[in-house]
Amino acid sequence: ASIKSLSDLPCPPKLELPRLGNSAPPGTRHRSIQKYIESFEYNFTGENFFNVKGVRQNQSLFRVLEVAKRVIRDALPIKCVEAVYLGIYLTQSMPDIERLP
């Protein structure tokens, strides 16, 4: 049976997004974002809750950000790739982050 078809599962808790502005020290912002990402449960179910296939096929950053927003909204367990998308989304407004290709 598919997990998505089960109706008796409890709703996932809504996680509190970090609320730090760019005036906070970079280390504080990074630790807060890391703690937030770590607060998600790992998805051990064998099913994907989020469609990341299109992103893996070189689609735009817009698609990555859309997946990250859905992860935040739905608060379901995540896999590693969704954690990476969250990191990208939550740090996109931080000018002091150096991105590597």
Protein backbone atom coordinates (compact mmCIF):
# COMPACT_ATOMS: atom_id res chain seq x y z
CA ALA A 1 0.00 0.00 0.00
CA SER A 2 1.18 3.50 -0.78
CA ILE A 3 1.91 5.88 2.09
CA LYS A 4 0.04 8.63 0.25
CA SER A 5 -3.15 6.57 0.27
CA LEU A 6 -3.20 6.14 4.07
CA SER A 7 -5.66 8.51 5.72
CA ASP A 8 -4.96 7.72 9.38
CA LEU A 9 -1.46 9.22 9.56
CA PRO A 10 -0.93 12.21 11.85
CA CYS A 11 -0.27 15.61 10.27
CA PRO A 12 3.39 16.60 10.33
CA PRO A 13 4.29 19.41 12.74
CA LYS A 14 4.83 22.83 11.20
CA LEU A 15 8.45 23.83 11.71
CA GLU A 16 9.43 27.39 12.64
CA LEU A 17 11.48 29.10 9.92
CA PRO A 18 14.61 30.91 11.14
CA ARG A 19 13.95 34.65 11.40
CA LEU A 20 17.38 36.26 11.17
CA GLY A 21 18.14 39.30 9.07
CA ASN A 22 21.36 40.01 7.21
CA SER A 23 22.52 42.07 10.19
CA ALA A 24 23.00 38.87 12.24
CA PRO A 25 26.55 37.44 12.12
CA PRO A 26 27.02 34.92 9.25
CA GLY A 27 27.85 32.08 11.64
CA THR A 28 24.63 32.66 13.59
CA ARG A 29 22.57 32.66 10.40
CA HIS A 30 24.26 29.49 9.12
CA ARG A 31 23.76 27.63 12.41
CA SER A 32 20.12 28.66 12.53
CA ILE A 33 19.50 27.43 8.98
CA GLN A 34 21.37 24.17 9.67
CA LYS A 35 19.30 23.58 12.81
CA TYR A 36 16.10 24.21 10.84
CA ILE A 37 17.08 21.74 8.10
CA GLU A 38 18.07 19.15 10.71
CA SER A 39 14.64 19.49 12.35
CA PHE A 40 13.07 17.69 9.36
CA GLU A 41 12.69 13.93 9.68
CA TYR A 42 14.54 11.76 7.18
CA ASN A 43 12.34 10.04 4.59
CA PHE A 44 12.90 6.31 5.10
CA THR A 45 9.65 5.29 3.39
CA GLY A 46 11.08 4.49 -0.03
CA GLU A 47 8.63 6.94 -1.62
CA ASN A 48 9.41 10.43 -2.80
CA PHE A 49 7.14 13.10 -1.35
CA PHE A 50 8.58 15.82 -3.60
CA ASN A 51 9.15 15.71 -7.35
CA VAL A 52 12.83 16.48 -7.89
CA LYS A 53 13.29 14.63 -11.19
CA GLY A 54 12.94 17.74 -13.35
CA VAL A 55 15.51 19.57 -11.25
CA ARG A 56 18.03 16.78 -11.69
CA GLN A 57 17.73 17.21 -15.43
CA ASN A 58 19.31 20.69 -15.40
CA GLN A 59 16.19 22.78 -14.99
CA SER A 60 16.42 26.28 -13.55
CA LEU A 61 17.08 27.59 -10.08
CA PHE A 62 13.42 28.64 -10.07
CA ARG A 63 12.42 24.96 -9.98
CA VAL A 64 14.82 24.26 -7.08
CA LEU A 65 13.30 27.15 -5.12
CA GLU A 66 9.75 25.97 -5.86
CA VAL A 67 10.58 22.50 -4.49
CA ALA A 68 12.13 24.09 -1.37
CA LYS A 69 9.00 26.19 -0.76
CA ARG A 70 6.86 23.08 -1.02
CA VAL A 71 9.13 21.23 1.43
CA ILE A 72 8.67 24.10 3.90
CA ARG A 73 4.91 24.25 3.35
CA ASP A 74 4.29 20.49 3.59
CA ALA A 75 6.86 19.75 6.37
CA LEU A 76 7.07 16.09 5.34
CA PRO A 77 10.18 13.93 5.82
CA ILE A 78 12.94 14.77 3.34
CA LYS A 79 15.87 13.12 1.62
CA CYS A 80 19.32 14.63 1.08
CA VAL A 81 18.51 16.41 -2.17
CA GLU A 82 15.58 18.23 -0.55
CA ALA A 83 17.90 19.34 2.27
CA VAL A 84 20.26 20.81 -0.33
CA TYR A 85 17.34 22.67 -1.94
CA LEU A 86 16.36 24.05 1.47
CA GLY A 87 19.91 25.27 2.00
CA ILE A 88 19.92 27.01 -1.37
CA TYR A 89 16.52 28.60 -0.74
CA LEU A 90 17.25 29.74 2.81
CA THR A 91 20.63 31.26 1.93
CA GLN A 92 19.76 32.87 -1.41
CA SER A 93 19.50 36.37 0.10
CA MET A 94 22.83 36.11 1.93
CA PRO A 95 25.43 38.09 -0.05
CA ASP A 96 28.28 36.78 2.12
CA ILE A 97 27.77 33.17 0.91
CA GLU A 98 30.15 32.05 -1.79
CA ARG A 99 28.55 29.51 -4.08
CA LEU A 100 30.61 26.87 -5.83
CA PRO A 101 29.42 25.28 -9.10
